Amino acid sequence: MLQHIAFLATVTIVGVLEQATWCQTKVVIYARRKYSVSPPTFMGPPEFERIVRAQMNCSEYFPIFLAVLWVAGLFFNQAVASCCGLLYVYFRYRYFVGYSRSAQERLGPVYFSALLLWILIGLSSFGLLNHFLSHYLGVELFGTLKHVIGL
């Protein structure tokens, strides 16, 4: 059983580390010290506000990412979902770093990470649809798809 979720668990831990240490939480703590902004205030120089907003945005999307990562991995394919998940975590890091520098630098990474999130949502939906059709109607979408494309 564990071999069926090991990649998903690894991507989850990488994402948690990113959220907690590598960039977001630690950078906000250092920015608070640098710009003398004490909690719970979120107002300060534009440089500080961009860092805080980038961290908040990443935190807001993290639960959505985790949910679709696991559903896509369990019901579609662990390897495909994990690859998409690693790319998502990387581009969210790029988003965070870019937004910390300037609002314009966030755009490319945020668009690509949004695309990856939609891909994971699509894989999750397809995997669940296949599960329900297979379980209740005996129709196997993956088998039909493989037959259509000649695999």
N, C-alpha and C. Protein backbone atom coordinates (compact mmCIF):
# COMPACT_ATOMS: atom_id res chain seq x y z
N MET A 1 0.83 -1.21 0.00
CA MET A 1 0.00 0.00 0.00
C MET A 1 0.86 1.26 0.00
N LEU A 2 1.92 1.29 0.80
CA LEU A 2 2.73 2.50 0.90
C LEU A 2 3.40 2.88 -0.41
N GLN A 3 3.76 1.89 -1.23
CA GLN A 3 4.37 2.22 -2.52
C GLN A 3 3.39 2.96 -3.43
N HIS A 4 2.09 2.85 -3.14
CA HIS A 4 1.08 3.52 -3.94
C HIS A 4 0.89 4.99 -3.54
N ILE A 5 1.47 5.39 -2.42
CA ILE A 5 1.31 6.78 -1.98
C ILE A 5 2.61 7.47 -1.62
N ALA A 6 3.73 6.78 -1.76
CA ALA A 6 5.02 7.34 -1.34
C ALA A 6 5.37 8.62 -2.08
N PHE A 7 5.14 8.67 -3.40
CA PHE A 7 5.45 9.89 -4.15
C PHE A 7 4.54 11.04 -3.72
N LEU A 8 3.27 10.74 -3.51
CA LEU A 8 2.33 11.78 -3.06
C LEU A 8 2.74 12.32 -1.69
N ALA A 9 3.14 11.42 -0.80
CA ALA A 9 3.58 11.84 0.53
C ALA A 9 4.84 12.70 0.45
N THR A 10 5.75 12.34 -0.44
CA THR A 10 6.98 13.11 -0.62
C THR A 10 6.68 14.52 -1.12
N VAL A 11 5.82 14.64 -2.12
CA VAL A 11 5.45 15.95 -2.64
C VAL A 11 4.75 16.77 -1.56
N THR A 12 3.93 16.11 -0.76
CA THR A 12 3.24 16.80 0.34
C THR A 12 4.25 17.38 1.32
N ILE A 13 5.24 16.60 1.71
CA ILE A 13 6.26 17.08 2.65
C ILE A 13 7.09 18.21 2.04
N VAL A 14 7.44 18.10 0.76
CA VAL A 14 8.18 19.17 0.09
C VAL A 14 7.35 20.46 0.12
N GLY A 15 6.06 20.35 -0.14
CA GLY A 15 5.18 21.52 -0.10
C GLY A 15 5.07 22.11 1.29
N VAL A 16 4.99 21.25 2.29
CA VAL A 16 4.92 21.73 3.69
C VAL A 16 6.22 22.43 4.06
N LEU A 17 7.34 21.86 3.67
CA LEU A 17 8.63 22.51 3.95
C LEU A 17 8.72 23.87 3.28
N GLU A 18 8.23 23.94 2.05
CA GLU A 18 8.23 25.22 1.35
C GLU A 18 7.38 26.24 2.12
N GLN A 19 6.21 25.83 2.53
CA GLN A 19 5.31 26.73 3.26
C GLN A 19 5.93 27.17 4.59
N ALA A 20 6.56 26.25 5.28
CA ALA A 20 7.00 26.52 6.64
C ALA A 20 8.39 27.14 6.73
N THR A 21 9.29 26.74 5.86
CA THR A 21 10.67 27.16 6.08
C THR A 21 11.31 27.84 4.89
N TRP A 22 11.42 27.14 3.79
CA TRP A 22 12.27 27.58 2.70
C TRP A 22 12.02 29.00 2.26
N CYS A 23 10.77 29.37 2.16
CA CYS A 23 10.58 30.74 1.68
C CYS A 23 9.56 31.48 2.50
N GLN A 24 8.43 30.96 2.68
CA GLN A 24 7.32 31.80 3.08
C GLN A 24 7.33 32.25 4.53
N THR A 25 7.21 31.35 5.45
CA THR A 25 7.09 31.76 6.85
C THR A 25 8.35 32.46 7.34
N LYS A 26 9.51 31.89 7.06
CA LYS A 26 10.75 32.51 7.50
C LYS A 26 10.98 33.87 6.86
N VAL A 27 10.67 33.99 5.59
CA VAL A 27 10.87 35.26 4.90
C VAL A 27 9.97 36.34 5.50
N VAL A 28 8.74 35.98 5.83
CA VAL A 28 7.83 36.96 6.44
C VAL A 28 8.36 37.38 7.81
N ILE A 29 8.86 36.44 8.58
CA ILE A 29 9.43 36.77 9.90
C ILE A 29 10.60 37.74 9.72
N TYR A 30 11.50 37.44 8.78
CA TYR A 30 12.65 38.32 8.55
C TYR A 30 12.20 39.69 8.03
N ALA A 31 11.19 39.70 7.18
CA ALA A 31 10.68 40.97 6.65
C ALA A 31 10.05 41.81 7.76
N ARG A 32 9.37 41.17 8.68
CA ARG A 32 8.80 41.91 9.82
C ARG A 32 9.91 42.60 10.60
N ARG A 33 11.01 41.90 10.82
CA ARG A 33 12.14 42.48 11.54
C ARG A 33 12.80 43.60 10.73
N LYS A 34 13.02 43.34 9.45
CA LYS A 34 13.70 44.30 8.59
C LYS A 34 12.92 45.61 8.47
N TYR A 35 11.57 45.51 8.31
CA TYR A 35 10.74 46.69 8.10
C TYR A 35 10.05 47.17 9.38
N SER A 36 10.39 46.56 10.52
CA SER A 36 9.83 46.93 11.83
C SER A 36 8.29 46.93 11.83
N VAL A 37 7.73 45.83 11.38
CA VAL A 37 6.27 45.66 11.37
C VAL A 37 5.93 44.53 12.32
N SER A 38 5.32 44.87 13.44
CA SER A 38 4.98 43.88 14.47
C SER A 38 3.63 43.24 14.18
N PRO A 39 3.49 41.93 14.49
CA PRO A 39 2.19 41.28 14.36
C PRO A 39 1.18 41.94 15.29
N PRO A 40 -0.06 41.97 14.96
CA PRO A 40 -0.71 41.35 13.81
C PRO A 40 -0.82 42.26 12.60
N THR A 41 -0.11 43.37 12.57
CA THR A 41 -0.19 44.33 11.47
C THR A 41 0.31 43.73 10.16
N PHE A 42 -0.39 44.05 9.08
CA PHE A 42 0.02 43.64 7.74
C PHE A 42 0.36 44.85 6.89
N MET A 43 0.29 46.02 7.47
CA MET A 43 0.57 47.25 6.74
C MET A 43 2.01 47.66 6.97
N GLY A 44 2.66 48.12 5.92
CA GLY A 44 4.04 48.56 6.01
C GLY A 44 4.47 49.05 4.64
N PRO A 45 5.76 49.11 4.41
CA PRO A 45 6.26 49.52 3.10
C PRO A 45 5.78 48.55 2.02
N PRO A 46 5.69 48.99 0.77
CA PRO A 46 5.23 48.10 -0.32
C PRO A 46 6.03 46.80 -0.41
N GLU A 47 7.32 46.87 -0.13
CA GLU A 47 8.16 45.66 -0.18
C GLU A 47 7.67 44.63 0.83
N PHE A 48 7.35 45.09 2.03
CA PHE A 48 6.84 44.20 3.07
C PHE A 48 5.46 43.65 2.69
N GLU A 49 4.60 44.51 2.21
CA GLU A 49 3.23 44.09 1.88
C GLU A 49 3.21 43.06 0.75
N ARG A 50 4.13 43.18 -0.22
CA ARG A 50 4.20 42.17 -1.29
C ARG A 50 4.60 40.81 -0.72
N ILE A 51 5.57 40.80 0.18
CA ILE A 51 6.02 39.54 0.79
C ILE A 51 4.87 38.89 1.57
N VAL A 52 4.17 39.68 2.37
CA VAL A 52 3.06 39.14 3.16
C VAL A 52 1.94 38.66 2.25
N ARG A 53 1.62 39.42 1.21
CA ARG A 53 0.55 39.02 0.31
C ARG A 53 0.91 37.75 -0.44
N ALA A 54 2.16 37.62 -0.85
CA ALA A 54 2.61 36.41 -1.54
C ALA A 54 2.47 35.20 -0.61
N GLN A 55 2.87 35.36 0.64
CA GLN A 55 2.76 34.26 1.60
C GLN A 55 1.30 33.91 1.86
N MET A 56 0.45 34.90 2.01
CA MET A 56 -0.97 34.64 2.25
C MET A 56 -1.60 33.93 1.05
N ASN A 57 -1.25 34.38 -0.14
CA ASN A 57 -1.80 33.77 -1.34
C ASN A 57 -1.38 32.30 -1.45
N CYS A 58 -0.11 32.03 -1.20
CA CYS A 58 0.36 30.64 -1.25
C CYS A 58 -0.35 29.78 -0.20
N SER A 59 -0.53 30.33 0.98
CA SER A 59 -1.21 29.59 2.06
C SER A 59 -2.67 29.35 1.74
N GLU A 60 -3.32 30.30 1.08
CA GLU A 60 -4.73 30.14 0.71
C GLU A 60 -4.93 29.00 -0.28
N TYR A 61 -4.00 28.82 -1.20
CA TYR A 61 -4.14 27.79 -2.23
C TYR A 61 -3.60 26.43 -1.80
N PHE A 62 -2.83 26.37 -0.73
CA PHE A 62 -2.19 25.12 -0.34
C PHE A 62 -3.19 24.00 -0.03
N PRO A 63 -4.26 24.24 0.72
CA PRO A 63 -5.22 23.15 0.96
C PRO A 63 -5.88 22.63 -0.32
N ILE A 64 -6.16 23.53 -1.25
CA ILE A 64 -6.75 23.11 -2.53
C ILE A 64 -5.76 22.22 -3.27
N PHE A 65 -4.50 22.66 -3.30
CA PHE A 65 -3.45 21.88 -3.95
C PHE A 65 -3.34 20.49 -3.34
N LEU A 66 -3.29 20.42 -2.02
CA LEU A 66 -3.14 19.11 -1.37
C LEU A 66 -4.32 18.19 -1.69
N ALA A 67 -5.52 18.73 -1.67
CA ALA A 67 -6.70 17.90 -1.94
C ALA A 67 -6.65 17.31 -3.34
N VAL A 68 -6.40 18.15 -4.36
CA VAL A 68 -6.41 17.63 -5.73
C VAL A 68 -5.17 16.79 -6.03
N LEU A 69 -4.04 17.07 -5.38
CA LEU A 69 -2.86 16.23 -5.53
C LEU A 69 -3.18 14.80 -5.12
N TRP A 70 -3.75 14.64 -3.94
CA TRP A 70 -4.04 13.30 -3.42
C TRP A 70 -5.16 12.61 -4.19
N VAL A 71 -6.20 13.34 -4.55
CA VAL A 71 -7.29 12.70 -5.30
C VAL A 71 -6.78 12.27 -6.68
N ALA A 72 -6.02 13.14 -7.35
CA ALA A 72 -5.46 12.78 -8.66
C ALA A 72 -4.51 11.60 -8.53
N GLY A 73 -3.71 11.59 -7.48
CA GLY A 73 -2.76 10.49 -7.29
C GLY A 73 -3.42 9.18 -6.97
N LEU A 74 -4.46 9.21 -6.18
CA LEU A 74 -5.14 7.97 -5.79
C LEU A 74 -6.08 7.44 -6.86
N PHE A 75 -6.73 8.32 -7.59
CA PHE A 75 -7.74 7.86 -8.55
C PHE A 75 -7.29 7.93 -10.01
N PHE A 76 -6.23 8.67 -10.30
CA PHE A 76 -5.74 8.72 -11.68
C PHE A 76 -4.41 8.01 -11.78
N ASN A 77 -3.32 8.66 -11.33
CA ASN A 77 -2.00 8.07 -11.41
C ASN A 77 -1.07 8.82 -10.47
N GLN A 78 -0.43 8.07 -9.57
CA GLN A 78 0.44 8.68 -8.57
C GLN A 78 1.63 9.41 -9.21
N ALA A 79 2.26 8.81 -10.20
CA ALA A 79 3.45 9.42 -10.81
C ALA A 79 3.10 10.72 -11.54
N VAL A 80 2.03 10.70 -12.31
CA VAL A 80 1.62 11.90 -13.04
C VAL A 80 1.24 13.01 -12.06
N ALA A 81 0.44 12.67 -11.05
CA ALA A 81 0.03 13.66 -10.06
C ALA A 81 1.24 14.21 -9.30
N SER A 82 2.18 13.35 -8.95
CA SER A 82 3.37 13.79 -8.22
C SER A 82 4.24 14.72 -9.06
N CYS A 83 4.38 14.41 -10.34
CA CYS A 83 5.15 15.30 -11.22
C CYS A 83 4.48 16.67 -11.32
N CYS A 84 3.16 16.66 -11.52
CA CYS A 84 2.42 17.93 -11.55
C CYS A 84 2.57 18.66 -10.21
N GLY A 85 2.53 17.90 -9.12
CA GLY A 85 2.65 18.49 -7.79
C GLY A 85 4.01 19.13 -7.56
N LEU A 86 5.07 18.45 -7.98
CA LEU A 86 6.41 19.04 -7.83
C LEU A 86 6.56 20.30 -8.66
N LEU A 87 6.02 20.28 -9.87
CA LEU A 87 6.06 21.48 -10.70
C LEU A 87 5.27 22.61 -10.06
N TYR A 88 4.12 22.28 -9.49
CA TYR A 88 3.29 23.29 -8.82
C TYR A 88 4.06 23.92 -7.65
N VAL A 89 4.69 23.09 -6.82
CA VAL A 89 5.45 23.61 -5.68
C VAL A 89 6.59 24.49 -6.16
N TYR A 90 7.28 24.08 -7.21
CA TYR A 90 8.37 24.88 -7.76
C TYR A 90 7.87 26.24 -8.27
N PHE A 91 6.78 26.23 -9.02
CA PHE A 91 6.29 27.50 -9.57
C PHE A 91 5.64 28.38 -8.50
N ARG A 92 5.14 27.79 -7.43
CA ARG A 92 4.66 28.62 -6.32
C ARG A 92 5.86 29.27 -5.62
N TYR A 93 6.97 28.58 -5.54
CA TYR A 93 8.20 29.17 -5.01
C TYR A 93 8.64 30.33 -5.90
N ARG A 94 8.65 30.09 -7.22
CA ARG A 94 9.02 31.15 -8.16
C ARG A 94 8.07 32.34 -8.04
N TYR A 95 6.77 32.05 -7.86
CA TYR A 95 5.77 33.10 -7.65
C TYR A 95 6.11 33.92 -6.42
N PHE A 96 6.40 33.24 -5.31
CA PHE A 96 6.70 33.91 -4.06
C PHE A 96 7.92 34.81 -4.20
N VAL A 97 8.97 34.28 -4.77
CA VAL A 97 10.21 35.06 -4.94
C VAL A 97 9.96 36.23 -5.88
N GLY A 98 9.27 35.99 -6.99
CA GLY A 98 8.99 37.06 -7.94
C GLY A 98 8.13 38.16 -7.35
N TYR A 99 7.09 37.77 -6.64
CA TYR A 99 6.18 38.77 -6.03
C TYR A 99 6.91 39.56 -4.96
N SER A 100 7.84 38.92 -4.27
CA SER A 100 8.62 39.63 -3.25
C SER A 100 9.46 40.74 -3.87
N ARG A 101 9.89 40.54 -5.10
CA ARG A 101 10.70 41.55 -5.80
C ARG A 101 9.85 42.64 -6.43
N SER A 102 8.79 42.24 -7.14
CA SER A 102 7.89 43.21 -7.77
C SER A 102 6.60 42.49 -8.15
N ALA A 103 5.53 43.25 -8.20
CA ALA A 103 4.23 42.65 -8.53
C ALA A 103 4.23 42.04 -9.93
N GLN A 104 4.95 42.62 -10.85
CA GLN A 104 5.00 42.13 -12.23
C GLN A 104 5.67 40.77 -12.33
N GLU A 105 6.68 40.51 -11.51
CA GLU A 105 7.44 39.26 -11.60
C GLU A 105 6.64 38.04 -11.15
N ARG A 106 5.49 38.25 -10.56
CA ARG A 106 4.68 37.12 -10.09
C ARG A 106 3.85 36.50 -11.20
N LEU A 107 3.65 37.22 -12.30
CA LEU A 107 2.64 36.83 -13.30
C LEU A 107 2.93 35.50 -13.99
N GLY A 108 4.10 35.30 -14.54
CA GLY A 108 4.40 34.04 -15.22
C GLY A 108 4.24 32.84 -14.30
N PRO A 109 4.89 32.85 -13.16
CA PRO A 109 4.74 31.70 -12.25
C PRO A 109 3.32 31.48 -11.74
N VAL A 110 2.56 32.55 -11.51
CA VAL A 110 1.20 32.35 -11.00
C VAL A 110 0.32 31.74 -12.08
N TYR A 111 0.51 32.12 -13.35
CA TYR A 111 -0.28 31.54 -14.43
C TYR A 111 0.05 30.06 -14.61
N PHE A 112 1.35 29.72 -14.54
CA PHE A 112 1.73 28.33 -14.73
C PHE A 112 1.29 27.47 -13.55
N SER A 113 1.40 28.00 -12.33
CA SER A 113 0.94 27.21 -11.18
C SER A 113 -0.58 27.05 -11.21
N ALA A 114 -1.30 28.05 -11.69
CA ALA A 114 -2.76 27.92 -11.84
C ALA A 114 -3.10 26.85 -12.88
N LEU A 115 -2.36 26.82 -13.98
CA LEU A 115 -2.57 25.79 -15.00
C LEU A 115 -2.35 24.40 -14.40
N LEU A 116 -1.28 24.25 -13.63
CA LEU A 116 -1.00 22.95 -13.00
C LEU A 116 -2.11 22.56 -12.02
N LEU A 117 -2.64 23.53 -11.29
CA LEU A 117 -3.74 23.24 -10.38
C LEU A 117 -4.96 22.76 -11.17
N TRP A 118 -5.25 23.41 -12.29
CA TRP A 118 -6.38 22.98 -13.13
C TRP A 118 -6.14 21.60 -13.73
N ILE A 119 -4.90 21.31 -14.08
CA ILE A 119 -4.58 19.96 -14.59
C ILE A 119 -4.84 18.93 -13.50
N LEU A 120 -4.41 19.21 -12.28
CA LEU A 120 -4.68 18.29 -11.17
C LEU A 120 -6.17 18.13 -10.92
N ILE A 121 -6.93 19.21 -11.04
CA ILE A 121 -8.38 19.12 -10.88
C ILE A 121 -8.97 18.24 -11.99
N GLY A 122 -8.49 18.42 -13.22
CA GLY A 122 -8.95 17.59 -14.33
C GLY A 122 -8.62 16.12 -14.14
N LEU A 123 -7.38 15.83 -13.72
CA LEU A 123 -6.98 14.45 -13.47
C LEU A 123 -7.82 13.83 -12.35
N SER A 124 -8.07 14.62 -11.31
CA SER A 124 -8.90 14.14 -10.20
C SER A 124 -10.30 13.81 -10.68
N SER A 125 -10.87 14.71 -11.45
CA SER A 125 -12.23 14.51 -11.97
C SER A 125 -12.31 13.30 -12.88
N PHE A 126 -11.34 13.18 -13.79
CA PHE A 126 -11.32 12.04 -14.70
C PHE A 126 -11.14 10.74 -13.93
N GLY A 127 -10.23 10.74 -12.96
CA GLY A 127 -10.01 9.54 -12.16
C GLY A 127 -11.24 9.12 -11.37
N LEU A 128 -11.91 10.09 -10.77
CA LEU A 128 -13.13 9.78 -10.02
C LEU A 128 -14.25 9.31 -10.95
N LEU A 129 -14.39 9.97 -12.09
CA LEU A 129 -15.41 9.55 -13.05
C LEU A 129 -15.15 8.11 -13.50
N ASN A 130 -13.90 7.80 -13.80
CA ASN A 130 -13.53 6.44 -14.18
C ASN A 130 -13.87 5.45 -13.06
N HIS A 131 -13.56 5.83 -11.84
CA HIS A 131 -13.85 4.95 -10.69
C HIS A 131 -15.35 4.66 -10.58
N PHE A 132 -16.16 5.70 -10.62
CA PHE A 132 -17.60 5.50 -10.47
C PHE A 132 -18.21 4.74 -11.65
N LEU A 133 -17.79 5.07 -12.87
CA LEU A 133 -18.30 4.35 -14.03
C LEU A 133 -17.89 2.89 -14.01
N SER A 134 -16.67 2.63 -13.62
CA SER A 134 -16.17 1.26 -13.54
C SER A 134 -16.89 0.48 -12.44
N HIS A 135 -17.03 1.11 -11.28
CA HIS A 135 -17.63 0.44 -10.12
C HIS A 135 -19.12 0.19 -10.29
N TYR A 136 -19.85 1.17 -10.82
CA TYR A 136 -21.30 1.06 -10.88
C TYR A 136 -21.85 0.62 -12.23
N LEU A 137 -21.12 0.87 -13.32
CA LEU A 137 -21.64 0.53 -14.64
C LEU A 137 -20.76 -0.46 -15.41
N GLY A 138 -19.59 -0.76 -14.85
CA GLY A 138 -18.69 -1.69 -15.53
C GLY A 138 -18.00 -1.10 -16.74
N VAL A 139 -17.99 0.22 -16.87
CA VAL A 139 -17.35 0.89 -18.00
C VAL A 139 -15.99 1.41 -17.53
N GLU A 140 -14.96 1.00 -18.23
CA GLU A 140 -13.59 1.38 -17.86
C GLU A 140 -13.09 2.44 -18.84
N LEU A 141 -13.08 3.71 -18.42
CA LEU A 141 -12.63 4.80 -19.31
C LEU A 141 -11.18 4.66 -19.69
N PHE A 142 -10.32 4.29 -18.74
CA PHE A 142 -8.90 4.16 -19.05
C PHE A 142 -8.69 3.09 -20.11
N GLY A 143 -9.39 1.96 -20.00
CA GLY A 143 -9.28 0.90 -21.00
C GLY A 143 -9.77 1.37 -22.35
N THR A 144 -10.88 2.07 -22.38
CA THR A 144 -11.43 2.61 -23.63
C THR A 144 -10.47 3.62 -24.23
N LEU A 145 -9.91 4.50 -23.41
CA LEU A 145 -8.96 5.50 -23.88
C LEU A 145 -7.71 4.85 -24.45
N LYS A 146 -7.19 3.83 -23.77
CA LYS A 146 -6.01 3.13 -24.27
C LYS A 146 -6.30 2.47 -25.61
N HIS A 147 -7.50 1.90 -25.76
CA HIS A 147 -7.90 1.26 -27.02
C HIS A 147 -8.01 2.28 -28.15
N VAL A 148 -8.58 3.44 -27.86
CA VAL A 148 -8.79 4.49 -28.87
C VAL A 148 -7.45 5.03 -29.37
N ILE A 149 -6.49 5.24 -28.46
CA ILE A 149 -5.20 5.81 -28.89
C ILE A 149 -4.19 4.73 -29.29
N GLY A 150 -4.60 3.47 -29.20
CA GLY A 150 -3.77 2.39 -29.71
C GLY A 150 -2.67 1.92 -28.79
N LEU A 151 -2.85 2.04 -27.50
CA LEU A 151 -1.83 1.54 -26.56
C LEU A 151 -2.11 0.11 -26.16
